[in-house]
Amino acid sequence: MKISVLQFPGTNCEYDAKYAFEQLGCVVEIIWHKEKNIPADTDLLVIPGGFSYGDYLRSGAIARFANVMDSVQAYAANGGKVLGICNGFQILLEAGLLPGAMKRNDSLHFISKYHTLKVINTDNKFLSLMKKDQVVNIPVAHHDGNYYIDDAGLKELEENNQILLKYCDKDGNLVNMNGSLLNIAGICNKERNVFGLMPHPERAIEELLGSVDGVNMLKGFLQ
């Protein structure tokens, strides 16, 4: 399977994503933001975490206009699978490939730690190897992870089962970790080919790292 990973100035998780998918037997290529096309043989496009363009305007707001993003839009429109992790999720929101927006964490502090998540929906490629209500331990590292959407948009997310992950405690009780509306940690589009989440499954693939709960998340794309 061929994975293409985007790279912007300020991206800091592209090599983590590359390593994680290589451990799963994938061929991975890193694509610089000035490229106008992504490889034609791409099976999954990953937009990794970091601080694209320093987040100087707003998280993901500048990256959304990078040369490569026209190709990303076309790839997604044609049914190509896209995974945005942390800053990648923010970029997908800014690009309109996923609904909603990110605000500053309600604590106004950067949050970096392992945190438990509850799996809400598994009727999608990304979480197809997970179980509904399963609790997983995945690292978070963000300053602007407070997900927001208006009432009409939220209703649509719920009706279409687009909410994939929520923040919870170790027993599965929902908790508000960063102010995110309804504790939302990850969503997908209606067509279920574009996925975004703030936590970092690519950082939870080896026991040495503290958790392997990210493995089956990423392996879902390989099925």
N, C-alpha and C. Protein backbone atom coordinates (compact mmCIF):
# COMPACT_ATOMS: atom_id res chain seq x y z
N MET A 1 0.85 -1.20 0.00
CA MET A 1 0.00 0.00 0.00
C MET A 1 0.88 1.25 0.00
N LYS A 2 0.50 2.24 -0.79
CA LYS A 2 1.29 3.46 -0.91
C LYS A 2 0.66 4.58 -0.07
N ILE A 3 1.46 5.14 0.83
CA ILE A 3 1.03 6.24 1.68
C ILE A 3 1.82 7.48 1.30
N SER A 4 1.13 8.58 1.06
CA SER A 4 1.79 9.86 0.82
C SER A 4 1.56 10.75 2.04
N VAL A 5 2.64 11.34 2.56
CA VAL A 5 2.57 12.17 3.76
C VAL A 5 2.99 13.59 3.39
N LEU A 6 2.11 14.56 3.61
CA LEU A 6 2.45 15.94 3.28
C LEU A 6 3.43 16.52 4.28
N GLN A 7 4.20 17.49 3.83
CA GLN A 7 5.17 18.17 4.68
C GLN A 7 5.12 19.67 4.41
N PHE A 8 4.86 20.44 5.46
CA PHE A 8 4.85 21.90 5.39
C PHE A 8 5.98 22.45 6.25
N PRO A 9 6.37 23.71 6.05
CA PRO A 9 7.29 24.31 7.01
C PRO A 9 6.62 24.31 8.39
N GLY A 10 7.29 23.74 9.38
CA GLY A 10 6.72 23.66 10.72
C GLY A 10 6.09 22.32 11.05
N THR A 11 5.87 21.46 10.04
CA THR A 11 5.38 20.11 10.32
C THR A 11 6.42 19.38 11.17
N ASN A 12 5.98 18.62 12.19
CA ASN A 12 6.96 17.91 13.01
C ASN A 12 6.61 16.44 13.25
N CYS A 13 5.59 15.94 12.57
CA CYS A 13 5.21 14.55 12.78
C CYS A 13 5.24 13.72 11.49
N GLU A 14 5.79 14.28 10.42
CA GLU A 14 5.80 13.56 9.16
C GLU A 14 6.63 12.28 9.25
N TYR A 15 7.73 12.33 9.99
CA TYR A 15 8.59 11.15 10.07
C TYR A 15 8.02 10.12 11.06
N ASP A 16 7.28 10.58 12.05
CA ASP A 16 6.55 9.66 12.92
C ASP A 16 5.52 8.88 12.11
N ALA A 17 4.78 9.61 11.27
CA ALA A 17 3.77 8.96 10.43
C ALA A 17 4.43 8.00 9.44
N LYS A 18 5.52 8.42 8.85
CA LYS A 18 6.25 7.57 7.91
C LYS A 18 6.70 6.28 8.60
N TYR A 19 7.31 6.42 9.76
CA TYR A 19 7.79 5.25 10.50
C TYR A 19 6.64 4.31 10.85
N ALA A 20 5.53 4.88 11.34
CA ALA A 20 4.39 4.05 11.77
C ALA A 20 3.85 3.21 10.61
N PHE A 21 3.65 3.84 9.46
CA PHE A 21 3.09 3.09 8.34
C PHE A 21 4.12 2.13 7.73
N GLU A 22 5.39 2.47 7.79
CA GLU A 22 6.40 1.53 7.33
C GLU A 22 6.43 0.28 8.20
N GLN A 23 6.19 0.45 9.50
CA GLN A 23 6.12 -0.71 10.39
C GLN A 23 4.96 -1.63 10.04
N LEU A 24 3.97 -1.06 9.37
CA LEU A 24 2.81 -1.86 8.93
C LEU A 24 3.01 -2.41 7.52
N GLY A 25 4.19 -2.21 6.96
CA GLY A 25 4.51 -2.78 5.65
C GLY A 25 4.18 -1.91 4.47
N CYS A 26 3.89 -0.64 4.70
CA CYS A 26 3.52 0.27 3.62
C CYS A 26 4.74 0.93 3.00
N VAL A 27 4.59 1.37 1.76
CA VAL A 27 5.57 2.22 1.10
C VAL A 27 5.14 3.66 1.35
N VAL A 28 6.05 4.48 1.89
CA VAL A 28 5.68 5.83 2.31
C VAL A 28 6.57 6.86 1.61
N GLU A 29 5.94 7.90 1.08
CA GLU A 29 6.67 9.00 0.44
C GLU A 29 6.23 10.31 1.07
N ILE A 30 7.20 11.15 1.40
CA ILE A 30 6.91 12.47 1.96
C ILE A 30 6.85 13.49 0.82
N ILE A 31 5.77 14.27 0.80
CA ILE A 31 5.49 15.20 -0.29
C ILE A 31 5.61 16.65 0.21
N TRP A 32 6.52 17.41 -0.37
CA TRP A 32 6.74 18.81 0.01
C TRP A 32 5.56 19.67 -0.41
N HIS A 33 5.23 20.67 0.39
CA HIS A 33 4.03 21.49 0.19
C HIS A 33 4.02 22.25 -1.14
N LYS A 34 5.19 22.46 -1.75
CA LYS A 34 5.23 23.21 -3.01
C LYS A 34 4.92 22.34 -4.23
N GLU A 35 4.85 21.04 -4.03
CA GLU A 35 4.46 20.16 -5.14
C GLU A 35 3.03 20.46 -5.55
N LYS A 36 2.74 20.34 -6.83
CA LYS A 36 1.39 20.63 -7.29
C LYS A 36 0.53 19.38 -7.43
N ASN A 37 1.17 18.23 -7.33
CA ASN A 37 0.43 16.98 -7.45
C ASN A 37 0.92 15.98 -6.42
N ILE A 38 0.02 15.14 -5.97
CA ILE A 38 0.41 14.02 -5.12
C ILE A 38 0.57 12.80 -6.03
N PRO A 39 1.37 11.82 -5.65
CA PRO A 39 1.61 10.67 -6.52
C PRO A 39 0.31 9.97 -6.93
N ALA A 40 0.23 9.58 -8.18
CA ALA A 40 -1.00 8.97 -8.72
C ALA A 40 -1.32 7.64 -8.07
N ASP A 41 -0.29 6.97 -7.52
CA ASP A 41 -0.52 5.66 -6.92
C ASP A 41 -0.81 5.72 -5.43
N THR A 42 -1.14 6.91 -4.92
CA THR A 42 -1.42 7.09 -3.49
C THR A 42 -2.71 6.36 -3.09
N ASP A 43 -2.60 5.51 -2.06
CA ASP A 43 -3.77 4.81 -1.51
C ASP A 43 -4.33 5.54 -0.30
N LEU A 44 -3.47 6.27 0.41
CA LEU A 44 -3.89 7.05 1.58
C LEU A 44 -2.99 8.28 1.65
N LEU A 45 -3.62 9.44 1.81
CA LEU A 45 -2.89 10.69 1.98
C LEU A 45 -2.96 11.09 3.45
N VAL A 46 -1.82 11.32 4.07
CA VAL A 46 -1.77 11.70 5.48
C VAL A 46 -1.28 13.14 5.61
N ILE A 47 -2.04 13.95 6.35
CA ILE A 47 -1.60 15.30 6.69
C ILE A 47 -1.24 15.25 8.17
N PRO A 48 0.05 15.30 8.50
CA PRO A 48 0.50 15.04 9.86
C PRO A 48 0.42 16.26 10.78
N GLY A 49 0.82 16.04 12.03
CA GLY A 49 0.78 17.09 13.02
C GLY A 49 1.99 18.01 12.96
N GLY A 50 1.92 19.07 13.74
CA GLY A 50 3.00 20.05 13.82
C GLY A 50 2.43 21.45 13.90
N PHE A 51 3.15 22.39 13.36
CA PHE A 51 2.73 23.79 13.39
C PHE A 51 2.98 24.39 12.01
N SER A 52 2.17 23.96 11.04
CA SER A 52 2.40 24.39 9.66
C SER A 52 2.46 25.91 9.57
N TYR A 53 3.53 26.41 8.93
CA TYR A 53 3.77 27.84 8.79
C TYR A 53 3.76 28.55 10.15
N GLY A 54 4.13 27.81 11.21
CA GLY A 54 4.23 28.38 12.54
C GLY A 54 2.90 28.70 13.20
N ASP A 55 1.78 28.33 12.55
CA ASP A 55 0.46 28.68 13.08
C ASP A 55 0.34 30.19 13.33
N TYR A 56 1.08 30.98 12.54
CA TYR A 56 1.15 32.42 12.82
C TYR A 56 -0.17 33.15 12.60
N LEU A 57 -0.96 32.68 11.63
CA LEU A 57 -2.25 33.32 11.40
C LEU A 57 -3.32 32.64 12.24
N ARG A 58 -3.47 31.36 12.02
CA ARG A 58 -4.42 30.51 12.74
C ARG A 58 -4.05 29.09 12.34
N SER A 59 -4.20 28.15 13.25
CA SER A 59 -3.75 26.78 12.97
C SER A 59 -4.34 26.25 11.65
N GLY A 60 -3.46 25.95 10.71
CA GLY A 60 -3.89 25.38 9.43
C GLY A 60 -4.34 26.38 8.39
N ALA A 61 -4.49 27.64 8.78
CA ALA A 61 -5.09 28.63 7.88
C ALA A 61 -4.19 28.97 6.70
N ILE A 62 -2.88 28.96 6.88
CA ILE A 62 -1.96 29.26 5.78
C ILE A 62 -1.73 28.00 4.93
N ALA A 63 -1.55 26.87 5.60
CA ALA A 63 -1.32 25.61 4.88
C ALA A 63 -2.46 25.31 3.93
N ARG A 64 -3.65 25.74 4.27
CA ARG A 64 -4.81 25.48 3.43
C ARG A 64 -4.61 26.03 2.01
N PHE A 65 -3.75 27.05 1.85
CA PHE A 65 -3.52 27.68 0.55
C PHE A 65 -2.24 27.21 -0.12
N ALA A 66 -1.58 26.20 0.43
CA ALA A 66 -0.34 25.69 -0.16
C ALA A 66 -0.60 25.10 -1.55
N ASN A 67 0.42 25.08 -2.38
CA ASN A 67 0.29 24.57 -3.75
C ASN A 67 -0.35 23.19 -3.80
N VAL A 68 0.09 22.30 -2.90
CA VAL A 68 -0.34 20.91 -2.95
C VAL A 68 -1.82 20.73 -2.62
N MET A 69 -2.43 21.72 -1.99
CA MET A 69 -3.79 21.53 -1.49
C MET A 69 -4.83 21.44 -2.60
N ASP A 70 -4.58 22.01 -3.77
CA ASP A 70 -5.52 21.84 -4.88
C ASP A 70 -5.59 20.36 -5.27
N SER A 71 -4.45 19.72 -5.27
CA SER A 71 -4.39 18.29 -5.57
C SER A 71 -5.07 17.47 -4.49
N VAL A 72 -4.91 17.91 -3.23
CA VAL A 72 -5.58 17.22 -2.11
C VAL A 72 -7.09 17.32 -2.25
N GLN A 73 -7.58 18.50 -2.59
CA GLN A 73 -9.02 18.69 -2.79
C GLN A 73 -9.55 17.76 -3.87
N ALA A 74 -8.82 17.69 -4.99
CA ALA A 74 -9.25 16.83 -6.10
C ALA A 74 -9.19 15.36 -5.71
N TYR A 75 -8.14 14.98 -5.00
CA TYR A 75 -7.98 13.60 -4.55
C TYR A 75 -9.14 13.18 -3.65
N ALA A 76 -9.49 14.03 -2.70
CA ALA A 76 -10.60 13.73 -1.79
C ALA A 76 -11.94 13.69 -2.54
N ALA A 77 -12.13 14.63 -3.46
CA ALA A 77 -13.38 14.69 -4.22
C ALA A 77 -13.58 13.43 -5.06
N ASN A 78 -12.48 12.79 -5.46
CA ASN A 78 -12.55 11.57 -6.25
C ASN A 78 -12.61 10.31 -5.40
N GLY A 79 -12.80 10.51 -4.09
CA GLY A 79 -12.96 9.36 -3.19
C GLY A 79 -11.68 8.88 -2.54
N GLY A 80 -10.56 9.57 -2.77
CA GLY A 80 -9.30 9.18 -2.14
C GLY A 80 -9.37 9.33 -0.64
N LYS A 81 -8.71 8.43 0.08
CA LYS A 81 -8.74 8.46 1.54
C LYS A 81 -7.71 9.45 2.07
N VAL A 82 -8.15 10.30 3.01
CA VAL A 82 -7.30 11.33 3.60
C VAL A 82 -7.41 11.23 5.12
N LEU A 83 -6.26 11.25 5.80
CA LEU A 83 -6.22 11.24 7.26
C LEU A 83 -5.46 12.47 7.74
N GLY A 84 -6.12 13.32 8.52
CA GLY A 84 -5.48 14.49 9.11
C GLY A 84 -5.32 14.30 10.60
N ILE A 85 -4.08 14.40 11.06
CA ILE A 85 -3.77 14.18 12.48
C ILE A 85 -3.33 15.50 13.10
N CYS A 86 -4.02 15.94 14.15
CA CYS A 86 -3.69 17.15 14.90
C CYS A 86 -3.68 18.37 13.97
N ASN A 87 -2.52 18.94 13.66
CA ASN A 87 -2.48 20.07 12.74
C ASN A 87 -3.07 19.69 11.38
N GLY A 88 -2.93 18.42 11.00
CA GLY A 88 -3.55 17.95 9.76
C GLY A 88 -5.06 18.04 9.82
N PHE A 89 -5.64 17.75 10.98
CA PHE A 89 -7.08 17.89 11.19
C PHE A 89 -7.45 19.36 11.04
N GLN A 90 -6.67 20.25 11.65
CA GLN A 90 -6.94 21.67 11.56
C GLN A 90 -6.90 22.15 10.10
N ILE A 91 -5.94 21.64 9.34
CA ILE A 91 -5.83 22.01 7.92
C ILE A 91 -7.06 21.55 7.15
N LEU A 92 -7.53 20.33 7.43
CA LEU A 92 -8.73 19.82 6.75
C LEU A 92 -9.95 20.67 7.07
N LEU A 93 -10.05 21.16 8.29
CA LEU A 93 -11.15 22.05 8.66
C LEU A 93 -11.05 23.37 7.91
N GLU A 94 -9.85 23.93 7.89
CA GLU A 94 -9.65 25.21 7.20
C GLU A 94 -9.91 25.08 5.70
N ALA A 95 -9.61 23.92 5.14
CA ALA A 95 -9.80 23.68 3.70
C ALA A 95 -11.24 23.32 3.35
N GLY A 96 -12.07 23.16 4.35
CA GLY A 96 -13.47 22.81 4.10
C GLY A 96 -13.68 21.35 3.76
N LEU A 97 -12.65 20.53 3.96
CA LEU A 97 -12.79 19.09 3.68
C LEU A 97 -13.46 18.36 4.84
N LEU A 98 -13.50 19.00 5.99
CA LEU A 98 -14.26 18.52 7.13
C LEU A 98 -15.00 19.72 7.73
N PRO A 99 -16.16 19.50 8.33
CA PRO A 99 -16.94 20.61 8.88
C PRO A 99 -16.48 21.02 10.28
N GLY A 100 -16.70 22.30 10.61
CA GLY A 100 -16.38 22.77 11.94
C GLY A 100 -15.12 23.61 11.95
N ALA A 101 -14.65 23.91 13.17
CA ALA A 101 -13.46 24.76 13.35
C ALA A 101 -12.80 24.41 14.68
N MET A 102 -11.54 24.85 14.80
CA MET A 102 -10.82 24.65 16.06
C MET A 102 -10.61 25.98 16.76
N LYS A 103 -10.84 25.97 18.09
CA LYS A 103 -10.57 27.12 18.92
C LYS A 103 -9.43 26.78 19.88
N ARG A 104 -8.93 27.79 20.56
CA ARG A 104 -7.90 27.59 21.57
C ARG A 104 -8.45 26.69 22.68
N ASN A 105 -7.61 25.81 23.22
CA ASN A 105 -8.02 25.00 24.37
C ASN A 105 -8.60 25.90 25.45
N ASP A 106 -9.65 25.44 26.12
CA ASP A 106 -10.29 26.31 27.11
C ASP A 106 -9.38 26.67 28.28
N SER A 107 -8.35 25.86 28.51
CA SER A 107 -7.37 26.17 29.57
C SER A 107 -6.37 27.23 29.13
N LEU A 108 -6.35 27.51 27.81
CA LEU A 108 -5.39 28.44 27.19
C LEU A 108 -3.96 27.93 27.28
N HIS A 109 -3.79 26.63 27.57
CA HIS A 109 -2.47 26.02 27.66
C HIS A 109 -2.31 24.92 26.62
N PHE A 110 -1.05 24.71 26.21
CA PHE A 110 -0.72 23.56 25.37
C PHE A 110 -0.87 22.30 26.20
N ILE A 111 -1.54 21.29 25.66
CA ILE A 111 -1.75 20.02 26.37
C ILE A 111 -0.95 18.94 25.68
N SER A 112 -0.07 18.28 26.41
CA SER A 112 0.75 17.21 25.85
C SER A 112 0.80 16.07 26.87
N LYS A 113 0.08 14.98 26.57
CA LYS A 113 0.03 13.84 27.48
C LYS A 113 -0.72 12.70 26.81
N TYR A 114 -0.65 11.53 27.39
CA TYR A 114 -1.52 10.45 26.95
C TYR A 114 -2.93 10.74 27.47
N HIS A 115 -3.93 10.39 26.65
CA HIS A 115 -5.32 10.59 27.08
C HIS A 115 -6.18 9.50 26.48
N THR A 116 -7.14 9.04 27.25
CA THR A 116 -8.03 7.98 26.78
C THR A 116 -9.14 8.54 25.91
N LEU A 117 -9.53 7.73 24.92
CA LEU A 117 -10.58 8.07 23.97
C LEU A 117 -11.59 6.95 23.90
N LYS A 118 -12.84 7.30 23.64
CA LYS A 118 -13.87 6.29 23.41
C LYS A 118 -14.20 6.24 21.92
N VAL A 119 -14.24 5.02 21.39
CA VAL A 119 -14.62 4.83 19.99
C VAL A 119 -16.14 4.95 19.89
N ILE A 120 -16.61 5.87 19.07
CA ILE A 120 -18.05 6.14 18.95
C ILE A 120 -18.66 5.43 17.75
N ASN A 121 -17.98 5.46 16.62
CA ASN A 121 -18.50 4.80 15.41
C ASN A 121 -17.39 4.03 14.71
N THR A 122 -17.73 2.84 14.26
CA THR A 122 -16.75 1.98 13.57
C THR A 122 -17.16 1.67 12.13
N ASP A 123 -18.22 2.32 11.65
CA ASP A 123 -18.70 2.04 10.29
C ASP A 123 -17.93 2.87 9.27
N ASN A 124 -16.61 2.78 9.35
CA ASN A 124 -15.74 3.54 8.47
C ASN A 124 -14.40 2.81 8.40
N LYS A 125 -13.62 3.12 7.37
CA LYS A 125 -12.34 2.44 7.14
C LYS A 125 -11.37 2.63 8.30
N PHE A 126 -11.30 3.85 8.81
CA PHE A 126 -10.32 4.21 9.82
C PHE A 126 -10.45 3.36 11.08
N LEU A 127 -11.66 3.21 11.58
CA LEU A 127 -11.87 2.50 12.85
C LEU A 127 -12.52 1.14 12.66
N SER A 128 -12.40 0.58 11.47
CA SER A 128 -13.07 -0.69 11.17
C SER A 128 -12.55 -1.87 11.99
N LEU A 129 -11.35 -1.76 12.53
CA LEU A 129 -10.80 -2.84 13.35
C LEU A 129 -11.03 -2.61 14.85
N MET A 130 -11.71 -1.55 15.18
CA MET A 130 -12.00 -1.23 16.58
C MET A 130 -13.41 -1.70 16.94
N LYS A 131 -13.73 -1.64 18.22
CA LYS A 131 -15.07 -1.98 18.69
C LYS A 131 -15.74 -0.74 19.23
N LYS A 132 -17.05 -0.62 18.99
CA LYS A 132 -17.79 0.52 19.51
C LYS A 132 -17.67 0.57 21.02
N ASP A 133 -17.45 1.73 21.56
CA ASP A 133 -17.27 1.99 22.99
C ASP A 133 -15.92 1.50 23.52
N GLN A 134 -15.05 1.02 22.65
CA GLN A 134 -13.71 0.63 23.08
C GLN A 134 -12.97 1.87 23.58
N VAL A 135 -12.19 1.70 24.63
CA VAL A 135 -11.39 2.79 25.19
C VAL A 135 -9.93 2.57 24.82
N VAL A 136 -9.31 3.58 24.22
CA VAL A 136 -7.91 3.48 23.79
C VAL A 136 -7.11 4.62 24.40
N ASN A 137 -5.82 4.39 24.55
CA ASN A 137 -4.93 5.37 25.17
C ASN A 137 -3.99 5.93 24.10
N ILE A 138 -4.21 7.18 23.72
CA ILE A 138 -3.50 7.80 22.59
C ILE A 138 -2.96 9.17 23.02
N PRO A 139 -1.73 9.52 22.65
CA PRO A 139 -1.19 10.83 23.04
C PRO A 139 -1.90 12.00 22.36
N VAL A 140 -1.98 13.11 23.08
CA VAL A 140 -2.44 14.37 22.50
C VAL A 140 -1.33 15.40 22.67
N ALA A 141 -1.26 16.35 21.77
CA ALA A 141 -0.27 17.43 21.85
C ALA A 141 -0.78 18.60 21.02
N HIS A 142 -1.56 19.48 21.66
CA HIS A 142 -2.14 20.59 20.89
C HIS A 142 -2.47 21.79 21.78
N HIS A 143 -2.55 22.92 21.14
CA HIS A 143 -2.92 24.18 21.79
C HIS A 143 -4.28 24.65 21.32
N ASP A 144 -4.67 24.22 20.12
CA ASP A 144 -5.95 24.62 19.52
C ASP A 144 -6.73 23.37 19.12
N GLY A 145 -7.18 22.63 20.12
CA GLY A 145 -7.90 21.39 19.85
C GLY A 145 -9.35 21.41 20.30
N ASN A 146 -9.85 22.60 20.57
CA ASN A 146 -11.20 22.80 21.09
C ASN A 146 -12.17 22.84 19.91
N TYR A 147 -12.71 21.67 19.56
CA TYR A 147 -13.54 21.56 18.35
C TYR A 147 -14.88 22.25 18.54
N TYR A 148 -15.30 22.99 17.51
CA TYR A 148 -16.58 23.70 17.55
C TYR A 148 -17.29 23.57 16.21
N ILE A 149 -18.61 23.47 16.29
CA ILE A 149 -19.46 23.51 15.10
C ILE A 149 -20.81 24.05 15.54
N ASP A 150 -21.53 24.71 14.63
CA ASP A 150 -22.82 25.28 15.01
C ASP A 150 -23.87 24.18 15.19
N ASP A 151 -25.03 24.55 15.68
CA ASP A 151 -26.07 23.56 16.02
C ASP A 151 -26.51 22.74 14.81
N ALA A 152 -26.67 23.41 13.67
CA ALA A 152 -27.10 22.70 12.47
C ALA A 152 -26.03 21.71 12.03
N GLY A 153 -24.77 22.12 12.10
CA GLY A 153 -23.67 21.24 11.73
C GLY A 153 -23.54 20.06 12.67
N LEU A 154 -23.74 20.32 13.96
CA LEU A 154 -23.65 19.25 14.96
C LEU A 154 -24.75 18.22 14.73
N LYS A 155 -25.95 18.70 14.44
CA LYS A 155 -27.06 17.79 14.18
C LYS A 155 -26.75 16.89 12.99
N GLU A 156 -26.14 17.47 11.97
CA GLU A 156 -25.77 16.70 10.78
C GLU A 156 -24.70 15.66 11.10
N LEU A 157 -23.70 16.05 11.89
CA LEU A 157 -22.67 15.10 12.31
C LEU A 157 -23.28 13.90 13.03
N GLU A 158 -24.21 14.19 13.92
CA GLU A 158 -24.82 13.13 14.73
C GLU A 158 -25.71 12.24 13.87
N GLU A 159 -26.49 12.85 12.99
CA GLU A 159 -27.41 12.08 12.15
C GLU A 159 -26.67 11.17 11.18
N ASN A 160 -25.50 11.60 10.73
CA ASN A 160 -24.73 10.82 9.76
C ASN A 160 -23.64 9.96 10.40
N ASN A 161 -23.65 9.89 11.73
CA ASN A 161 -22.63 9.10 12.45
C ASN A 161 -21.21 9.49 12.06
N GLN A 162 -20.97 10.80 11.97
CA GLN A 162 -19.65 11.29 11.58
C GLN A 162 -18.73 11.54 12.77
N ILE A 163 -19.28 11.50 13.97
CA ILE A 163 -18.43 11.65 15.16
C ILE A 163 -17.80 10.30 15.46
N LEU A 164 -16.48 10.22 15.42
CA LEU A 164 -15.77 8.95 15.52
C LEU A 164 -15.18 8.68 16.89
N LEU A 165 -14.66 9.72 17.52
CA LEU A 165 -13.94 9.56 18.79
C LEU A 165 -14.30 10.69 19.75
N LYS A 166 -14.37 10.34 21.04
CA LYS A 166 -14.59 11.36 22.06
C LYS A 166 -13.60 11.14 23.21
N TYR A 167 -13.25 12.23 23.89
CA TYR A 167 -12.37 12.14 25.04
C TYR A 167 -13.13 11.51 26.21
N CYS A 168 -12.46 10.63 26.93
CA CYS A 168 -13.11 9.96 28.07
C CYS A 168 -12.06 9.66 29.14
N ASP A 169 -12.52 9.11 30.29
CA ASP A 169 -11.58 8.63 31.29
C ASP A 169 -11.31 7.15 31.05
N LYS A 170 -10.51 6.53 31.89
CA LYS A 170 -10.10 5.14 31.65
C LYS A 170 -11.26 4.16 31.72
N ASP A 171 -12.39 4.59 32.33
CA ASP A 171 -13.56 3.73 32.42
C ASP A 171 -14.58 3.99 31.32
N GLY A 172 -14.24 4.92 30.41
CA GLY A 172 -15.13 5.21 29.30
C GLY A 172 -16.13 6.31 29.56
N ASN A 173 -16.04 6.96 30.72
CA ASN A 173 -16.94 8.08 31.00
C ASN A 173 -16.42 9.32 30.27
N LEU A 174 -17.29 9.98 29.54
CA LEU A 174 -16.87 11.13 28.74
C LEU A 174 -16.38 12.27 29.63
N VAL A 175 -15.29 12.90 29.21
CA VAL A 175 -14.72 14.02 29.95
C VAL A 175 -14.39 15.14 28.97
N ASN A 176 -14.41 16.36 29.47
CA ASN A 176 -14.10 17.51 28.63
C ASN A 176 -12.64 17.89 28.85
N MET A 177 -11.79 17.45 27.95
CA MET A 177 -10.35 17.60 28.11
C MET A 177 -9.84 18.98 27.70
N ASN A 178 -10.45 19.57 26.67
CA ASN A 178 -9.92 20.83 26.14
C ASN A 178 -11.01 21.85 25.78
N GLY A 179 -12.26 21.56 26.17
CA GLY A 179 -13.37 22.44 25.84
C GLY A 179 -14.11 22.02 24.59
N SER A 180 -13.64 20.97 23.92
CA SER A 180 -14.22 20.52 22.66
C SER A 180 -15.71 20.20 22.82
N LEU A 181 -16.50 20.67 21.88
CA LEU A 181 -17.95 20.46 21.90
C LEU A 181 -18.28 18.97 21.97
N LEU A 182 -19.09 18.59 22.95
CA LEU A 182 -19.48 17.19 23.17
C LEU A 182 -18.26 16.26 23.29
N ASN A 183 -17.12 16.81 23.70
CA ASN A 183 -15.90 16.02 23.93
C ASN A 183 -15.35 15.40 22.64
N ILE A 184 -15.68 15.99 21.50
CA ILE A 184 -15.29 15.41 20.21
C ILE A 184 -13.78 15.46 20.00
N ALA A 185 -13.21 14.30 19.64
CA ALA A 185 -11.78 14.19 19.38
C ALA A 185 -11.49 13.86 17.92
N GLY A 186 -12.48 13.33 17.19
CA GLY A 186 -12.26 12.97 15.80
C GLY A 186 -13.56 12.82 15.05
N ILE A 187 -13.55 13.18 13.76
CA ILE A 187 -14.75 13.10 12.91
C ILE A 187 -14.35 12.63 11.51
N CYS A 188 -15.36 12.40 10.68
CA CYS A 188 -15.12 12.12 9.26
C CYS A 188 -16.13 12.90 8.43
N ASN A 189 -15.96 12.89 7.13
CA ASN A 189 -16.93 13.53 6.25
C ASN A 189 -18.09 12.57 5.98
N LYS A 190 -19.11 13.06 5.31
CA LYS A 190 -20.29 12.22 5.02
C LYS A 190 -19.93 11.00 4.18
N GLU A 191 -19.00 11.19 3.27
CA GLU A 191 -18.64 10.11 2.35
C GLU A 191 -17.71 9.08 2.99
N ARG A 192 -17.21 9.38 4.19
CA ARG A 192 -16.34 8.49 4.95
C ARG A 192 -15.01 8.18 4.25
N ASN A 193 -14.47 9.19 3.60
CA ASN A 193 -13.13 9.02 3.03
C ASN A 193 -12.14 10.06 3.53
N VAL A 194 -12.63 11.05 4.29
CA VAL A 194 -11.76 12.06 4.89
C VAL A 194 -11.94 12.00 6.40
N PHE A 195 -10.82 11.84 7.11
CA PHE A 195 -10.86 11.63 8.56
C PHE A 195 -9.94 12.62 9.25
N GLY A 196 -10.37 13.13 10.41
CA GLY A 196 -9.53 14.03 11.18
C GLY A 196 -9.65 13.74 12.66
N LEU A 197 -8.52 13.79 13.37
CA LEU A 197 -8.54 13.63 14.82
C LEU A 197 -7.38 14.43 15.42
N MET A 198 -7.58 14.91 16.63
CA MET A 198 -6.52 15.65 17.31
C MET A 198 -5.47 14.74 17.94
N PRO A 199 -5.83 13.61 18.55
CA PRO A 199 -4.81 12.72 19.11
C PRO A 199 -3.91 12.11 18.03
N HIS A 200 -2.78 11.52 18.47
CA HIS A 200 -1.73 11.04 17.57
C HIS A 200 -1.61 9.51 17.60
N PRO A 201 -2.36 8.77 16.79
CA PRO A 201 -2.22 7.31 16.80
C PRO A 201 -0.85 6.84 16.32
N GLU A 202 -0.17 7.66 15.49
CA GLU A 202 1.15 7.26 14.99
C GLU A 202 2.20 7.27 16.11
N ARG A 203 1.86 7.86 17.25
CA ARG A 203 2.77 7.87 18.40
C ARG A 203 2.42 6.78 19.41
N ALA A 204 1.50 5.92 19.05
CA ALA A 204 1.09 4.84 19.95
C ALA A 204 1.11 3.51 19.21
N ILE A 205 2.30 3.16 18.71
CA ILE A 205 2.40 1.93 17.91
C ILE A 205 3.41 0.93 18.48
N GLU A 206 4.06 1.29 19.59
CA GLU A 206 5.03 0.39 20.21
C GLU A 206 4.92 0.48 21.72
N GLU A 207 5.08 -0.65 22.41
CA GLU A 207 5.01 -0.66 23.87
C GLU A 207 6.02 0.30 24.47
N LEU A 208 7.18 0.42 23.81
CA LEU A 208 8.22 1.33 24.28
C LEU A 208 7.72 2.76 24.38
N LEU A 209 6.76 3.12 23.53
CA LEU A 209 6.21 4.46 23.51
C LEU A 209 5.09 4.66 24.53
N GLY A 210 4.65 3.55 25.15
CA GLY A 210 3.63 3.65 26.18
C GLY A 210 2.28 3.09 25.81
N SER A 211 2.07 2.78 24.53
CA SER A 211 0.79 2.23 24.08
C SER A 211 0.93 1.71 22.66
N VAL A 212 0.16 0.67 22.35
CA VAL A 212 0.06 0.17 20.96
C VAL A 212 -1.36 0.33 20.44
N ASP A 213 -2.14 1.17 21.11
CA ASP A 213 -3.55 1.32 20.74
C ASP A 213 -3.73 2.01 19.39
N GLY A 214 -2.68 2.66 18.89
CA GLY A 214 -2.80 3.32 17.59
C GLY A 214 -2.64 2.37 16.42
N VAL A 215 -2.12 1.16 16.68
CA VAL A 215 -1.83 0.23 15.58
C VAL A 215 -3.09 -0.13 14.81
N ASN A 216 -4.13 -0.58 15.50
CA ASN A 216 -5.34 -1.01 14.80
C ASN A 216 -6.09 0.16 14.16
N MET A 217 -5.87 1.37 14.66
CA MET A 217 -6.46 2.53 13.98
C MET A 217 -5.85 2.66 12.58
N LEU A 218 -4.53 2.68 12.53
CA LEU A 218 -3.86 2.86 11.24
C LEU A 218 -4.03 1.65 10.33
N LYS A 219 -4.07 0.45 10.92
CA LYS A 219 -4.23 -0.77 10.12
C LYS A 219 -5.60 -0.83 9.45
N GLY A 220 -6.56 -0.08 9.98
CA GLY A 220 -7.89 -0.06 9.36
C GLY A 220 -7.82 0.34 7.90
N PHE A 221 -6.88 1.24 7.57
CA PHE A 221 -6.76 1.69 6.19
C PHE A 221 -6.16 0.64 5.27
N LEU A 222 -5.56 -0.39 5.83
CA LEU A 222 -4.89 -1.41 5.05
C LEU A 222 -5.81 -2.56 4.65
N GLN A 223 -7.05 -2.54 5.19
CA GLN A 223 -7.98 -3.65 4.94
C GLN A 223 -8.62 -3.52 3.55
